[in-house]
């Protein structure tokens, strides 16, 4: 069996290292590089023991523009060919480099950082010659995404990553190969001539969405409860006290554990980034900004008249990978609204419903980084766009709409399941279904609206086939990254599930890269 040289991301955990170990022993996948956020001493010792020739890199160092070339060989500069192959992706990358004000990280600095991190990865790729890049997290951070882009779009190196998007109420998860075509794995089965029967999980999942009194998916409810917990003042005080105690003991609060650029010092200077204390109070400041933002939004809100002809536009939380990477150019919602406003009939309106998480008081309180009073002023200037309360029942809005539109949100999928046409401005996990209008161009939107006016309704048999395809390609074995250690601890035989996950990675690779 030919040896495959593998780069692993987010495999520092001892359990995940067992996944890599199994892939090495059974399939000859040889780890040549491990990287992740915090390679502590225990992880390094374990990696050196299991994989003596494997290099170890801390991705947080890279995110802070600290590039160590001492152990990776001769520097391999970038050239026009490399940059040209990634040109379609540079816009989203540059726009999402963390900056608390939008003014600390200039455009020129962003470009320079982008070139620096690409040069670093290019040097590693050219010197180590990997065959496969495997990530247990969705490639969205500055370090991980830049490696993915080089592997996927320039060197044609096989890529595998755990897809974090909800499959069958998050009971199934999937190993994907492409950010830009999130539906690719499902569509391959869906478009085949293979006969597929909807399983019990699929039937239950669709029935839950179709119910007249449908509720948000269970994973959404869990997330909301978690966010509510982190927003409580008691938990925030505990977090601060924890930072203080750790600082008194080992200087923890003065550590830089994030990549937020806080001032106008050069991006490669470590003191241009927030330390833990600064990051805590930065989030607290954002909590207050989000409260003010909510008041601004409420000042524009009108009551939704469900008797009118309307498009329901389900806005998503930002900043987040679901729009920043998967949405591509349409991460800018105004581009979507420009198109929708231009193609709908004069007697239609667009109901813009803000995502409630934008105003979150939780640990992710970053909504005001992508929304401000000018954002909502601009929305208000559209003649046919009306802002409605973020608490308006989603399913009422879906059921009475002419069409539901979003970039990557689940509302578009829920709409077609409930018999309402939908438009998705991305290649998200459900956009490969023929019953969903996948929009790339203005003409796509025009054609979709014409069909909807003429009475188009989603084909429920088609939707069930697509759901069956999800069942077939997705797995119950894959544990989400944020719940990994908790879920592993519940298993009677952790080794058994780790072997299953390893086999899932190998099978996914075989399915897509057999040739």
Protein backbone atom coordinates (compact mmCIF):
# COMPACT_ATOMS: atom_id res chain seq x y z
CA UNK A 1 0.00 0.00 0.00
CA UNK A 2 1.44 3.34 -1.08
CA UNK A 3 2.28 5.75 1.74
CA UNK A 4 0.18 8.94 1.89
CA UNK A 5 1.87 11.93 3.53
CA UNK A 6 -0.70 13.81 5.63
CA UNK A 7 -0.99 17.25 7.24
CA UNK A 8 -3.38 17.21 10.20
CA UNK A 9 -5.16 20.22 11.71
CA UNK A 10 -6.75 20.15 15.17
CA UNK A 11 -5.51 16.68 16.10
CA UNK A 12 -3.46 17.61 19.19
CA UNK A 13 -5.95 15.95 21.51
CA UNK A 14 -4.81 12.50 22.67
CA UNK A 15 -8.00 10.86 21.36
CA UNK A 16 -7.71 12.47 17.94
CA UNK A 17 -4.08 11.39 17.75
CA UNK A 18 -5.39 7.83 18.04
CA UNK A 19 -7.45 8.52 14.90
CA UNK A 20 -4.26 9.54 13.08
CA UNK A 21 -2.46 6.52 14.54
CA UNK A 22 -5.13 4.15 13.23
CA UNK A 23 -4.99 5.77 9.78
CA UNK A 24 -1.23 5.27 9.80
CA UNK A 25 -1.32 1.61 10.85
CA UNK A 26 -4.26 0.47 8.71
CA UNK A 27 -4.02 2.71 5.63
CA UNK A 28 -0.40 3.93 5.63
CA UNK A 29 -1.34 7.58 6.13
CA UNK A 30 1.90 9.00 7.48
CA UNK A 31 1.59 12.24 9.54
CA UNK A 32 4.23 14.73 8.40
CA UNK A 33 2.83 17.85 10.10
CA UNK A 34 0.45 18.50 12.99
CA UNK A 35 -0.83 21.98 13.67
CA UNK A 36 -3.47 23.46 15.92
CA UNK A 37 -4.21 26.30 18.29
CA UNK A 38 -2.39 25.16 21.44
CA UNK A 39 0.30 22.48 21.09
CA UNK A 40 1.03 22.08 24.81
CA UNK A 41 3.97 20.11 26.14
CA UNK A 42 1.93 16.93 26.69
CA UNK A 43 0.73 17.02 23.08
CA UNK A 44 4.25 17.57 21.78
CA UNK A 45 5.63 14.67 23.83
CA UNK A 46 2.84 12.38 22.64
CA UNK A 47 3.25 13.37 18.97
CA UNK A 48 7.03 12.89 19.13
CA UNK A 49 6.49 9.47 20.66
CA UNK A 50 3.86 8.29 18.16
CA UNK A 51 5.19 10.06 15.06
CA UNK A 52 8.89 10.90 15.56
CA UNK A 53 9.37 12.49 12.12
CA UNK A 54 6.20 14.66 12.31
CA UNK A 55 6.65 18.44 12.51
CA UNK A 56 4.55 20.45 15.00
CA UNK A 57 3.29 24.01 14.42
CA UNK A 58 1.10 26.26 16.56
CA UNK A 59 -1.54 27.85 14.39
CA UNK A 60 -2.05 30.69 16.90
CA UNK A 61 1.54 31.79 16.28
CA UNK A 62 0.77 31.96 12.58
CA UNK A 63 -2.45 33.88 13.20
CA UNK A 64 -0.34 36.39 15.12
CA UNK A 65 2.08 36.65 12.17
CA UNK A 66 4.85 34.73 13.95
CA UNK A 67 6.40 32.55 11.25
CA UNK A 68 9.26 30.27 12.25
CA UNK A 69 11.21 28.99 9.25
CA UNK A 70 13.99 27.31 11.24
CA UNK A 71 12.78 23.72 10.78
CA UNK A 72 10.85 23.79 7.52
CA UNK A 73 13.58 24.15 4.92
CA UNK A 74 14.46 26.69 2.26
CA UNK A 75 11.95 29.52 1.75
CA UNK A 76 9.76 29.12 -1.35
CA UNK A 77 8.54 32.54 -2.53
CA UNK A 78 5.13 33.20 -4.04
CA UNK A 79 4.65 34.01 -7.69
CA UNK A 80 1.90 35.26 -9.98
CA UNK A 81 0.77 31.74 -10.86
CA UNK A 82 0.02 30.93 -7.19
CA UNK A 83 -1.70 34.24 -6.43
CA UNK A 84 -3.74 34.09 -9.61
CA UNK A 85 -5.05 30.63 -8.75
CA UNK A 86 -6.31 32.01 -5.40
CA UNK A 87 -7.56 35.37 -6.68
CA UNK A 88 -11.26 34.45 -6.38
CA UNK A 89 -10.79 33.74 -2.69
CA UNK A 90 -8.55 36.59 -1.57
CA UNK A 91 -11.46 39.04 -1.11
CA UNK A 92 -13.15 36.97 1.58
CA UNK A 93 -9.87 36.16 3.28
CA UNK A 94 -8.80 39.80 3.58
CA UNK A 95 -12.22 40.99 4.74
CA UNK A 96 -12.27 38.59 7.66
CA UNK A 97 -8.96 39.22 9.37
CA UNK A 98 -9.91 40.09 12.98
CA UNK A 99 -9.89 43.81 13.69
CA UNK A 100 -12.01 45.30 16.51
CA UNK A 101 -12.52 48.64 14.78
CA UNK A 102 -11.95 48.01 11.09
CA UNK A 103 -9.24 50.67 11.14
CA UNK A 104 -6.30 48.92 12.83
CA UNK A 105 -5.63 46.42 10.08
CA UNK A 106 -5.18 48.46 6.89
CA UNK A 107 -5.79 47.02 3.44
CA UNK A 108 -2.06 47.09 2.69
CA UNK A 109 -1.29 45.29 5.94
CA UNK A 110 -3.96 42.69 5.23
CA UNK A 111 -2.43 42.02 1.81
CA UNK A 112 1.03 41.78 3.33
CA UNK A 113 -0.18 39.36 6.02
CA UNK A 114 -1.98 37.27 3.39
CA UNK A 115 1.20 37.03 1.32
CA UNK A 116 3.29 36.19 4.40
CA UNK A 117 1.09 33.33 5.56
CA UNK A 118 0.75 31.95 2.02
CA UNK A 119 4.55 32.07 1.63
CA UNK A 120 4.93 30.15 4.89
CA UNK A 121 2.51 27.42 3.84
CA UNK A 122 3.95 27.36 0.33
CA UNK A 123 7.38 26.68 1.81
CA UNK A 124 5.98 23.84 3.92
CA UNK A 125 4.08 22.29 1.00
CA UNK A 126 7.02 22.49 -1.41
CA UNK A 127 9.45 21.01 1.15
CA UNK A 128 7.21 18.33 2.67
CA UNK A 129 5.14 17.36 -0.43
CA UNK A 130 1.91 16.32 1.34
CA UNK A 131 -0.66 14.11 -0.36
CA UNK A 132 -3.62 14.88 1.91
CA UNK A 133 -4.74 17.73 4.17
CA UNK A 134 -7.10 16.60 6.96
CA UNK A 135 -8.83 19.07 9.29
CA UNK A 136 -11.14 18.21 12.17
CA UNK A 137 -12.49 21.75 12.08
CA UNK A 138 -13.98 23.72 9.22
CA UNK A 139 -11.09 25.66 7.59
CA UNK A 140 -11.99 29.23 8.52
CA UNK A 141 -9.23 30.74 10.68
CA UNK A 142 -6.45 32.74 8.96
CA UNK A 143 -3.95 29.90 9.34
CA UNK A 144 -6.18 26.97 8.43
CA UNK A 145 -8.02 28.68 5.56
CA UNK A 146 -4.81 29.80 3.84
CA UNK A 147 -3.50 26.21 3.87
CA UNK A 148 -6.81 24.92 2.53
CA UNK A 149 -6.78 27.45 -0.33
CA UNK A 150 -3.27 26.46 -1.42
CA UNK A 151 -4.00 22.75 -1.20
CA UNK A 152 -7.41 22.90 -2.89
CA UNK A 153 -7.00 25.59 -5.51
CA UNK A 154 -3.35 25.56 -6.48
CA UNK A 155 -1.61 22.28 -5.70
CA UNK A 156 -4.66 19.99 -6.07
CA UNK A 157 -3.79 18.29 -2.79
CA UNK A 158 -6.63 16.12 -1.47
CA UNK A 159 -8.59 17.93 1.27
CA UNK A 160 -10.90 16.50 3.94
CA UNK A 161 -12.63 18.32 6.78
CA UNK A 162 -15.50 17.76 9.18
CA UNK A 163 -18.57 19.62 7.95
CA UNK A 164 -20.16 21.48 10.90
CA UNK A 165 -23.53 22.14 9.26
CA UNK A 166 -26.75 20.58 10.53
CA UNK A 167 -27.56 17.25 8.94
CA UNK A 168 -30.79 15.63 10.06
CA UNK A 169 -31.02 17.79 13.21
CA UNK A 170 -27.29 17.36 13.80
CA UNK A 171 -27.63 13.63 14.39
CA UNK A 172 -25.54 13.04 11.28
CA UNK A 173 -22.33 14.78 10.27
CA UNK A 174 -20.24 14.64 7.17
CA UNK A 175 -16.69 14.73 5.96
CA UNK A 176 -16.49 17.21 3.09
CA UNK A 177 -13.89 18.09 0.50
CA UNK A 178 -14.83 21.61 -0.61
CA UNK A 179 -15.84 24.86 1.09
CA UNK A 180 -16.93 26.38 -2.21
CA UNK A 181 -19.20 23.43 -3.11
CA UNK A 182 -20.64 22.31 0.19
CA UNK A 183 -23.25 20.22 -1.58
CA UNK A 184 -20.70 18.28 -3.61
CA UNK A 185 -20.59 15.14 -1.47
CA UNK A 186 -24.38 14.89 -1.23
CA UNK A 187 -25.02 15.81 -4.87
CA UNK A 188 -22.76 13.00 -6.08
CA UNK A 189 -25.19 10.46 -4.62
CA UNK A 190 -28.32 12.53 -5.25
CA UNK A 191 -27.56 12.87 -8.99
CA UNK A 192 -26.74 9.18 -9.41
CA UNK A 193 -29.16 6.56 -10.69
CA UNK A 194 -29.00 4.78 -7.38
CA UNK A 195 -32.29 3.86 -5.74
CA UNK A 196 -32.57 5.34 -2.27
CA UNK A 197 -35.14 4.85 0.43
CA UNK A 198 -35.68 7.42 3.12
CA UNK A 199 -34.62 6.01 6.49
CA UNK A 200 -36.32 6.43 9.86
CA UNK A 201 -34.04 9.35 10.80
CA UNK A 202 -34.88 11.13 7.56
CA UNK A 203 -38.61 10.54 7.94
CA UNK A 204 -38.56 11.86 11.51
CA UNK A 205 -36.46 14.87 10.48
CA UNK A 206 -38.78 15.92 7.64
CA UNK A 207 -41.89 15.32 9.73
CA UNK A 208 -40.54 17.64 12.43
CA UNK A 209 -39.98 20.44 9.92
CA UNK A 210 -43.37 19.92 8.25
CA UNK A 211 -45.37 20.06 11.47
CA UNK A 212 -47.74 23.00 11.76
CA UNK A 213 -46.33 23.73 15.22
CA UNK A 214 -42.71 23.12 14.17
CA UNK A 215 -40.01 24.24 16.56
CA UNK A 216 -36.40 25.23 15.91
CA UNK A 217 -34.06 22.25 15.44
CA UNK A 218 -32.73 20.68 18.64
CA UNK A 219 -29.14 21.77 17.98
CA UNK A 220 -30.29 25.40 17.65
CA UNK A 221 -32.11 25.16 20.98
CA UNK A 222 -28.95 23.73 22.61
CA UNK A 223 -26.81 26.57 21.23
CA UNK A 224 -29.29 29.18 22.46
CA UNK A 225 -29.25 27.69 25.96
CA UNK A 226 -25.45 27.70 25.95
CA UNK A 227 -25.36 31.33 24.83
CA UNK A 228 -27.81 32.28 27.55
CA UNK A 229 -25.53 30.65 30.12
CA UNK A 230 -22.44 32.50 28.92
CA UNK A 231 -24.29 35.82 28.95
CA UNK A 232 -25.20 35.62 32.64
CA UNK A 233 -23.32 38.14 34.77
CA UNK A 234 -22.30 35.43 37.26
CA UNK A 235 -20.55 33.38 34.59
CA UNK A 236 -18.81 36.47 33.20
CA UNK A 237 -17.52 37.36 36.68
CA UNK A 238 -16.27 33.78 37.07
CA UNK A 239 -14.41 34.12 33.76
CA UNK A 240 -12.76 37.36 34.91
CA UNK A 241 -11.84 35.89 38.30
CA UNK A 242 -10.35 32.89 36.50
CA UNK A 243 -8.16 35.18 34.39
CA UNK A 244 -7.06 37.11 37.51
CA UNK A 245 -6.20 33.94 39.47
CA UNK A 246 -4.31 32.42 36.54
CA UNK A 247 -2.47 35.72 36.08
CA UNK A 248 -1.37 35.80 39.72
CA UNK A 249 -0.16 32.23 39.34
CA UNK A 250 1.51 32.21 35.91
CA UNK A 251 0.83 35.47 34.07
CA UNK A 252 -2.05 33.99 32.05
CA UNK A 253 -3.90 37.30 31.62
CA UNK A 254 -0.91 38.81 29.87
CA UNK A 255 -0.79 35.95 27.35
CA UNK A 256 -2.01 36.53 23.82
CA UNK A 257 -4.42 33.68 23.07
CA UNK A 258 -6.22 35.31 20.13
CA UNK A 259 -5.46 37.16 16.92
CA UNK A 260 -7.36 40.40 17.47
CA UNK A 261 -5.30 43.38 16.25
CA UNK A 262 -5.81 46.17 18.80
CA UNK A 263 -3.78 49.12 17.51
CA UNK A 264 -1.90 50.59 14.58
CA UNK A 265 1.41 48.93 15.34
CA UNK A 266 2.74 46.66 12.55
CA UNK A 267 0.73 43.43 12.28
CA UNK A 268 3.83 41.26 12.87
CA UNK A 269 4.47 42.86 16.30
CA UNK A 270 3.06 40.66 19.05
CA UNK A 271 2.12 43.73 21.13
CA UNK A 272 -0.28 44.76 18.39
CA UNK A 273 -2.56 41.91 19.54
CA UNK A 274 -4.88 41.71 22.55
CA UNK A 275 -3.89 39.81 25.64
CA UNK A 276 -6.48 37.84 27.64
CA UNK A 277 -7.43 40.76 29.86
CA UNK A 278 -7.84 43.07 26.89
CA UNK A 279 -9.86 40.45 25.03
CA UNK A 280 -12.22 40.00 28.02
CA UNK A 281 -12.97 43.71 28.29
CA UNK A 282 -13.21 43.98 24.50
CA UNK A 283 -16.04 41.41 24.54
CA UNK A 284 -17.69 43.27 27.43
CA UNK A 285 -17.57 46.46 25.37
CA UNK A 286 -19.18 44.63 22.46
CA UNK A 287 -22.00 43.43 24.74
CA UNK A 288 -22.94 47.05 25.41
CA UNK A 289 -22.60 47.98 21.74
CA UNK A 290 -24.96 45.13 20.84
CA UNK A 291 -27.57 46.47 23.28
CA UNK A 292 -27.43 49.87 21.57
CA UNK A 293 -27.54 48.14 18.19
CA UNK A 294 -30.76 46.39 19.18
CA UNK A 295 -32.38 49.73 19.98
CA UNK A 296 -31.35 51.11 16.59
CA UNK A 297 -32.81 48.08 14.79
CA UNK A 298 -36.05 48.27 16.80
CA UNK A 299 -36.48 51.89 15.72
CA UNK A 300 -36.84 50.68 12.11
CA UNK A 301 -38.99 47.61 12.79
CA UNK A 302 -42.49 47.34 11.34
CA UNK A 303 -45.04 44.63 12.01
CA UNK A 304 -45.03 41.94 9.34
CA UNK A 305 -48.27 41.84 7.33
CA UNK A 306 -48.51 38.19 6.31
CA UNK A 307 -51.35 38.90 3.87
CA UNK A 308 -49.01 40.79 1.54
CA UNK A 309 -46.89 39.23 -1.19
CA UNK A 310 -43.35 39.12 0.14
CA UNK A 311 -39.93 37.55 0.13
CA UNK A 312 -38.74 36.51 3.55
CA UNK A 313 -35.00 37.27 3.75
CA UNK A 314 -33.49 35.40 6.68
CA UNK A 315 -30.35 37.29 7.70
CA UNK A 316 -27.55 35.31 9.36
CA UNK A 317 -25.21 35.98 12.22
CA UNK A 318 -21.97 37.66 11.19
CA UNK A 319 -18.99 37.45 11.41
CA UNK A 320 -19.11 33.70 10.86
CA UNK A 321 -17.68 31.17 8.43
CA UNK A 322 -21.13 30.19 7.15
CA UNK A 323 -21.31 33.46 5.24
CA UNK A 324 -17.72 34.69 5.21
CA UNK A 325 -16.34 31.62 3.44
CA UNK A 326 -19.29 29.69 2.04
CA UNK A 327 -21.25 32.78 0.99
CA UNK A 328 -18.30 34.16 -1.00
CA UNK A 329 -19.16 37.62 -2.38
CA UNK A 330 -22.70 37.31 -1.07
CA UNK A 331 -21.40 37.58 2.49
CA UNK A 332 -22.36 41.20 1.76
CA UNK A 333 -26.13 41.01 2.18
CA UNK A 334 -26.65 44.25 0.26
CA UNK A 335 -25.54 42.47 -2.93
CA UNK A 336 -28.34 39.96 -2.35
CA UNK A 337 -30.91 42.63 -1.49
CA UNK A 338 -29.94 44.65 -4.58
CA UNK A 339 -30.77 41.63 -6.75
CA UNK A 340 -33.97 40.72 -4.92
CA UNK A 341 -35.19 44.33 -4.95
CA UNK A 342 -34.65 44.55 -8.70
CA UNK A 343 -36.36 41.28 -9.70
CA UNK A 344 -39.53 41.21 -7.62
CA UNK A 345 -42.83 42.67 -8.91
CA UNK A 346 -43.87 46.15 -7.76
CA UNK A 347 -46.53 44.79 -5.42
CA UNK A 348 -44.06 42.56 -3.52
CA UNK A 349 -41.95 43.55 -0.53
CA UNK A 350 -38.93 42.02 1.19
CA UNK A 351 -39.16 41.30 4.89
CA UNK A 352 -35.68 41.48 6.37
CA UNK A 353 -35.53 39.60 9.66
CA UNK A 354 -32.33 40.11 11.65
CA UNK A 355 -30.72 37.09 13.22
CA UNK A 356 -31.32 37.31 17.00
CA UNK A 357 -27.73 36.26 17.70
CA UNK A 358 -26.54 39.57 16.23
CA UNK A 359 -27.73 41.20 19.44
CA UNK A 360 -26.34 38.43 21.62
CA UNK A 361 -25.05 39.25 25.08
CA UNK A 362 -23.10 35.99 25.15
CA UNK A 363 -19.47 35.11 24.70
CA UNK A 364 -19.83 35.54 20.91
CA UNK A 365 -21.07 39.13 21.27
CA UNK A 366 -19.54 40.37 18.04
CA UNK A 367 -22.63 41.34 16.02
CA UNK A 368 -21.76 45.05 16.14
CA UNK A 369 -18.56 44.32 14.20
CA UNK A 370 -20.70 43.72 11.11
CA UNK A 371 -23.72 45.89 11.91
CA UNK A 372 -24.04 49.53 12.89
CA UNK A 373 -26.58 52.34 12.57
CA UNK A 374 -25.40 53.04 9.01
CA UNK A 375 -26.07 49.43 8.04
CA UNK A 376 -29.69 49.76 9.12
CA UNK A 377 -29.97 53.23 7.60
CA UNK A 378 -28.91 51.73 4.29
CA UNK A 379 -31.49 48.95 4.67
CA UNK A 380 -34.19 51.54 5.36
CA UNK A 381 -33.36 53.32 2.09
CA UNK A 382 -34.58 50.38 0.00
CA UNK A 383 -38.08 51.21 -1.22
CA UNK A 384 -39.26 47.60 -0.98
CA UNK A 385 -37.37 46.31 2.09
CA UNK A 386 -39.00 46.32 5.53
CA UNK A 387 -37.25 45.32 8.75
CA UNK A 388 -39.31 43.15 11.06
CA UNK A 389 -38.80 41.93 14.61
CA UNK A 390 -36.15 39.26 15.03
CA UNK A 391 -38.67 37.45 17.27
CA UNK A 392 -41.24 37.01 14.49
CA UNK A 393 -42.07 33.32 14.18
CA UNK A 394 -39.89 31.86 11.42
CA UNK A 395 -42.38 29.25 10.30
CA UNK A 396 -45.22 31.77 10.06
CA UNK A 397 -42.99 33.88 7.82
CA UNK A 398 -42.07 30.85 5.71
CA UNK A 399 -45.61 29.55 5.28
CA UNK A 400 -47.02 32.85 4.04
CA UNK A 401 -44.12 33.90 1.83
CA UNK A 402 -43.98 33.77 -1.96
CA UNK A 403 -40.35 32.78 -1.60
CA UNK A 404 -37.76 32.49 1.18
CA UNK A 405 -34.24 33.73 0.53
CA UNK A 406 -30.96 33.50 2.43
CA UNK A 407 -27.26 33.11 1.75
CA UNK A 408 -26.54 29.83 3.54
CA UNK A 409 -29.16 29.72 6.31
CA UNK A 410 -31.39 26.72 7.02
CA UNK A 411 -34.57 28.80 6.49
CA UNK A 412 -34.33 28.18 2.72
CA UNK A 413 -34.20 24.42 3.27
CA UNK A 414 -37.03 24.50 5.83
CA UNK A 415 -39.07 26.46 3.28
CA UNK A 416 -38.89 23.85 0.51
CA UNK A 417 -39.61 21.07 2.99
CA UNK A 418 -42.78 22.98 3.94
CA UNK A 419 -43.69 23.46 0.26
CA UNK A 420 -42.51 27.07 -0.18
CA UNK A 421 -40.01 28.08 -2.94
CA UNK A 422 -36.59 29.23 -1.79
CA UNK A 423 -33.45 30.89 -3.14
CA UNK A 424 -29.94 30.25 -1.77
CA UNK A 425 -27.11 32.62 -2.72
CA UNK A 426 -24.35 30.07 -2.13
CA UNK A 427 -23.30 26.47 -2.64
CA UNK A 428 -24.34 25.40 0.83
CA UNK A 429 -25.15 21.85 1.95
CA UNK A 430 -28.73 21.89 0.59
CA UNK A 431 -28.27 23.97 -2.57
CA UNK A 432 -27.61 20.88 -4.69
CA UNK A 433 -31.26 19.92 -4.35
CA UNK A 434 -33.14 20.73 -7.57
CA UNK A 435 -36.08 22.04 -5.56
CA UNK A 436 -33.93 24.91 -4.23
CA UNK A 437 -33.11 27.80 -6.58
CA UNK A 438 -29.33 28.17 -6.35
CA UNK A 439 -28.52 31.77 -7.29
CA UNK A 440 -25.19 32.96 -8.68
CA UNK A 441 -26.26 35.63 -11.18
CA UNK A 442 -28.90 38.30 -11.62
CA UNK A 443 -30.43 36.21 -14.42
CA UNK A 444 -30.67 33.20 -12.08
CA UNK A 445 -32.79 35.32 -9.74
CA UNK A 446 -34.92 36.69 -12.59
CA UNK A 447 -35.63 33.20 -13.90
CA UNK A 448 -36.46 31.90 -10.41
CA UNK A 449 -38.98 34.69 -9.72
CA UNK A 450 -40.68 34.12 -13.11
CA UNK A 451 -41.12 30.43 -12.32
CA UNK A 452 -42.46 31.21 -8.84
CA UNK A 453 -44.97 33.74 -10.23
CA UNK A 454 -46.10 31.04 -12.67
CA UNK A 455 -46.91 28.71 -9.80
CA UNK A 456 -43.73 26.74 -9.15
CA UNK A 457 -43.81 24.56 -6.02
CA UNK A 458 -40.99 22.38 -4.61
CA UNK A 459 -41.20 18.67 -5.44
CA UNK A 460 -41.53 16.77 -2.15
CA UNK A 461 -40.37 13.53 -3.74
CA UNK A 462 -37.21 15.32 -4.86
CA UNK A 463 -36.67 16.70 -1.36
CA UNK A 464 -37.04 13.24 0.14
CA UNK A 465 -34.50 11.86 -2.34
CA UNK A 466 -32.04 14.61 -1.35
CA UNK A 467 -32.61 13.85 2.33
CA UNK A 468 -32.01 10.17 1.62
CA UNK A 469 -28.73 11.14 -0.06
CA UNK A 470 -27.75 13.03 3.10
CA UNK A 471 -28.52 9.92 5.15
CA UNK A 472 -26.38 7.81 2.85
CA UNK A 473 -23.25 10.00 2.86
CA UNK A 474 -23.40 11.39 6.37
CA UNK A 475 -22.34 9.51 9.48
CA UNK A 476 -23.43 9.12 13.07
CA UNK A 477 -19.86 8.31 14.07
CA UNK A 478 -18.36 11.77 13.53
CA UNK A 479 -18.23 13.76 16.76
CA UNK A 480 -18.34 17.57 16.43
CA UNK A 481 -15.12 19.34 17.36
CA UNK A 482 -16.68 21.46 20.12
CA UNK A 483 -18.17 18.38 21.83
CA UNK A 484 -15.37 15.89 21.15
CA UNK A 485 -14.00 15.19 24.63
CA UNK A 486 -17.46 15.28 26.24
CA UNK A 487 -18.90 12.78 23.75
CA UNK A 488 -15.85 10.50 23.87
CA UNK A 489 -16.13 10.34 27.66
CA UNK A 490 -19.68 8.97 27.30
CA UNK A 491 -18.62 5.99 25.18
CA UNK A 492 -18.15 2.60 26.85
CA UNK A 493 -15.47 1.78 24.29
CA UNK A 494 -13.76 5.02 23.11
CA UNK A 495 -11.22 3.11 21.05
CA UNK A 496 -14.00 1.57 18.96
CA UNK A 497 -15.56 4.93 18.01
CA UNK A 498 -12.12 6.42 17.25
CA UNK A 499 -11.43 3.56 14.84
CA UNK A 500 -14.81 4.19 13.20
CA UNK A 501 -14.01 7.89 12.75
CA UNK A 502 -10.64 6.99 11.22
CA UNK A 503 -12.38 4.66 8.78
CA UNK A 504 -14.82 7.46 7.91
CA UNK A 505 -11.93 9.72 6.91
CA UNK A 506 -10.39 6.99 4.79
CA UNK A 507 -13.70 6.08 3.11
CA UNK A 508 -14.46 9.75 2.37
CA UNK A 509 -11.05 10.08 0.76
CA UNK A 510 -11.60 6.94 -1.27
CA UNK A 511 -15.01 8.14 -2.45
CA UNK A 512 -13.65 11.43 -3.78
CA UNK A 513 -10.04 10.76 -4.66
CA UNK A 514 -9.95 7.11 -5.74
CA UNK A 515 -8.21 8.03 -8.95
